[in-house]
Amino acid sequence: MPRYSSNTPDAVYLWLCCEGWMKFGPFEWLSFDACSQSYLDQHGKPVATIEDDTWSVPGERWEGWTFRHPVITSSLHHPAPSSGGLPVK
């Protein structure tokens, strides 16, 4: 199976806020699974899971990190990078 790359025009990204915005992806697509309270990638693997109003990301690198305010974009750039995770008005 070919690896999905950021050069693909239909890529999507998941952004989560900690002390700043972190970009995860690219993904072919993302879905939200209500049972597991998780965003799933195109292979059905969890990308981020919410518990007690905070999001966590699987993997040793992200162990202990908590995130908020998920945003999904089709751009390599966050639409409001200076928002600090607060909703843009």
C-alpha atoms as a PDB file:
ATOM      1  CA  MET A   1       0.000   0.000   0.000  1.00  0.00           C
ATOM      2  CA  PRO A   2       1.492   3.395  -0.956  1.00  0.00           C
ATOM      3  CA  ARG A   3       2.230   5.834   1.800  1.00  0.00           C
ATOM      4  CA  TYR A   4       0.074   8.951   1.844  1.00  0.00           C
ATOM      5  CA  SER A   5       2.194  12.057   1.398  1.00  0.00           C
ATOM      6  CA  SER A   6       1.757  15.766   2.042  1.00  0.00           C
ATOM      7  CA  ASN A   7       2.121  16.301  -1.711  1.00  0.00           C
ATOM      8  CA  THR A   8      -1.268  14.683  -2.275  1.00  0.00           C
ATOM      9  CA  PRO A   9      -3.789  17.444  -2.949  1.00  0.00           C
ATOM     10  CA  ASP A  10      -6.571  15.788  -0.939  1.00  0.00           C
ATOM     11  CA  ALA A  11      -4.603  15.324   2.306  1.00  0.00           C
ATOM     12  CA  VAL A  12      -6.177  16.313   5.621  1.00  0.00           C
ATOM     13  CA  TYR A  13      -4.497  17.228   8.896  1.00  0.00           C
ATOM     14  CA  LEU A  14      -5.564  17.074  12.521  1.00  0.00           C
ATOM     15  CA  TRP A  15      -4.459  20.010  14.664  1.00  0.00           C
ATOM     16  CA  LEU A  16      -4.512  19.825  18.467  1.00  0.00           C
ATOM     17  CA  CYS A  17      -3.560  22.586  20.880  1.00  0.00           C
ATOM     18  CA  CYS A  18      -1.204  22.128  23.831  1.00  0.00           C
ATOM     19  CA  GLU A  19       0.981  25.186  24.409  1.00  0.00           C
ATOM     20  CA  GLY A  20       0.668  25.809  20.684  1.00  0.00           C
ATOM     21  CA  TRP A  21      -0.842  24.034  17.714  1.00  0.00           C
ATOM     22  CA  MET A  22       0.519  20.595  16.800  1.00  0.00           C
ATOM     23  CA  LYS A  23      -0.142  19.159  13.330  1.00  0.00           C
ATOM     24  CA  PHE A  24      -0.764  15.434  12.825  1.00  0.00           C
ATOM     25  CA  GLY A  25      -0.923  13.916   9.380  1.00  0.00           C
ATOM     26  CA  PRO A  26      -1.224  13.917   6.476  1.00  0.00           C
ATOM     27  CA  PHE A  27      -4.161  11.534   6.317  1.00  0.00           C
ATOM     28  CA  GLU A  28      -6.237  10.424   3.369  1.00  0.00           C
ATOM     29  CA  TRP A  29      -9.286  11.035   5.545  1.00  0.00           C
ATOM     30  CA  LEU A  30     -10.354  11.096   9.201  1.00  0.00           C
ATOM     31  CA  SER A  31     -13.531   9.919  10.871  1.00  0.00           C
ATOM     32  CA  PHE A  32     -14.859  10.231  14.407  1.00  0.00           C
ATOM     33  CA  ASP A  33     -15.886   7.026  16.180  1.00  0.00           C
ATOM     34  CA  ALA A  34     -18.481   7.827  18.862  1.00  0.00           C
ATOM     35  CA  CYS A  35     -18.028   4.494  20.658  1.00  0.00           C
ATOM     36  CA  SER A  36     -14.299   4.901  21.248  1.00  0.00           C
ATOM     37  CA  GLN A  37     -14.472   8.732  21.324  1.00  0.00           C
ATOM     38  CA  SER A  38     -11.572   8.764  18.848  1.00  0.00           C
ATOM     39  CA  TYR A  39     -10.592  10.220  15.503  1.00  0.00           C
ATOM     40  CA  LEU A  40      -9.602   7.337  13.234  1.00  0.00           C
ATOM     41  CA  ASP A  41      -7.312   7.457  10.198  1.00  0.00           C
ATOM     42  CA  GLN A  42      -7.958   5.855   6.809  1.00  0.00           C
ATOM     43  CA  HIS A  43      -6.793   2.485   8.212  1.00  0.00           C
ATOM     44  CA  GLY A  44      -9.154   2.602  11.206  1.00  0.00           C
ATOM     45  CA  LYS A  45      -6.352   3.320  13.687  1.00  0.00           C
ATOM     46  CA  PRO A  46      -6.907   5.879  16.468  1.00  0.00           C
ATOM     47  CA  VAL A  47      -5.175   9.195  15.858  1.00  0.00           C
ATOM     48  CA  ALA A  48      -6.532  11.035  18.922  1.00  0.00           C
ATOM     49  CA  THR A  49      -8.908  10.079  21.749  1.00  0.00           C
ATOM     50  CA  ILE A  50     -10.863  12.320  24.096  1.00  0.00           C
ATOM     51  CA  GLU A  51     -11.285  11.573  27.790  1.00  0.00           C
ATOM     52  CA  ASP A  52     -12.360  14.030  30.496  1.00  0.00           C
ATOM     53  CA  ASP A  53     -12.351  16.996  28.057  1.00  0.00           C
ATOM     54  CA  THR A  54      -8.734  16.479  26.939  1.00  0.00           C
ATOM     55  CA  TRP A  55      -7.344  14.720  23.901  1.00  0.00           C
ATOM     56  CA  SER A  56      -4.467  12.259  23.887  1.00  0.00           C
ATOM     57  CA  VAL A  57      -2.461  10.888  20.966  1.00  0.00           C
ATOM     58  CA  PRO A  58      -1.156   7.306  20.892  1.00  0.00           C
ATOM     59  CA  GLY A  59       2.553   6.614  20.895  1.00  0.00           C
ATOM     60  CA  GLU A  60       5.452   6.866  23.282  1.00  0.00           C
ATOM     61  CA  ARG A  61       6.475  10.276  21.927  1.00  0.00           C
ATOM     62  CA  TRP A  62       3.152  11.799  23.075  1.00  0.00           C
ATOM     63  CA  GLU A  63       2.859   9.989  26.412  1.00  0.00           C
ATOM     64  CA  GLY A  64       1.714  12.410  29.124  1.00  0.00           C
ATOM     65  CA  TRP A  65       0.741  15.148  26.653  1.00  0.00           C
ATOM     66  CA  THR A  66      -2.802  16.508  26.768  1.00  0.00           C
ATOM     67  CA  PHE A  67      -4.426  18.489  23.989  1.00  0.00           C
ATOM     68  CA  ARG A  68      -7.577  20.510  23.351  1.00  0.00           C
ATOM     69  CA  HIS A  69      -9.553  22.076  20.514  1.00  0.00           C
ATOM     70  CA  PRO A  70      -9.218  19.660  17.568  1.00  0.00           C
ATOM     71  CA  VAL A  71      -9.304  21.285  14.135  1.00  0.00           C
ATOM     72  CA  ILE A  72      -9.229  19.418  10.830  1.00  0.00           C
ATOM     73  CA  THR A  73      -7.863  21.193   7.752  1.00  0.00           C
ATOM     74  CA  SER A  74      -6.893  20.390   4.206  1.00  0.00           C
ATOM     75  CA  SER A  75      -3.974  22.798   4.463  1.00  0.00           C
ATOM     76  CA  LEU A  76      -0.451  22.462   5.807  1.00  0.00           C
ATOM     77  CA  HIS A  77      -1.108  25.720   7.676  1.00  0.00           C
ATOM     78  CA  HIS A  78      -3.448  26.263  10.612  1.00  0.00           C
ATOM     79  CA  PRO A  79      -6.212  28.748   9.776  1.00  0.00           C
ATOM     80  CA  ALA A  80      -5.707  30.746  12.984  1.00  0.00           C
ATOM     81  CA  PRO A  81      -2.200  30.013  14.309  1.00  0.00           C
ATOM     82  CA  SER A  82      -2.264  32.879  16.830  1.00  0.00           C
ATOM     83  CA  SER A  83      -5.536  31.780  18.409  1.00  0.00           C
ATOM     84  CA  GLY A  84      -3.770  29.822  21.161  1.00  0.00           C
ATOM     85  CA  GLY A  85      -6.466  27.211  21.068  1.00  0.00           C
ATOM     86  CA  LEU A  86      -9.236  29.651  21.791  1.00  0.00           C
ATOM     87  CA  PRO A  87     -12.133  29.722  19.360  1.00  0.00           C
ATOM     88  CA  VAL A  88     -11.699  32.412  16.738  1.00  0.00           C
ATOM     89  CA  LYS A  89     -14.514  34.984  16.862  1.00  0.00           C
END
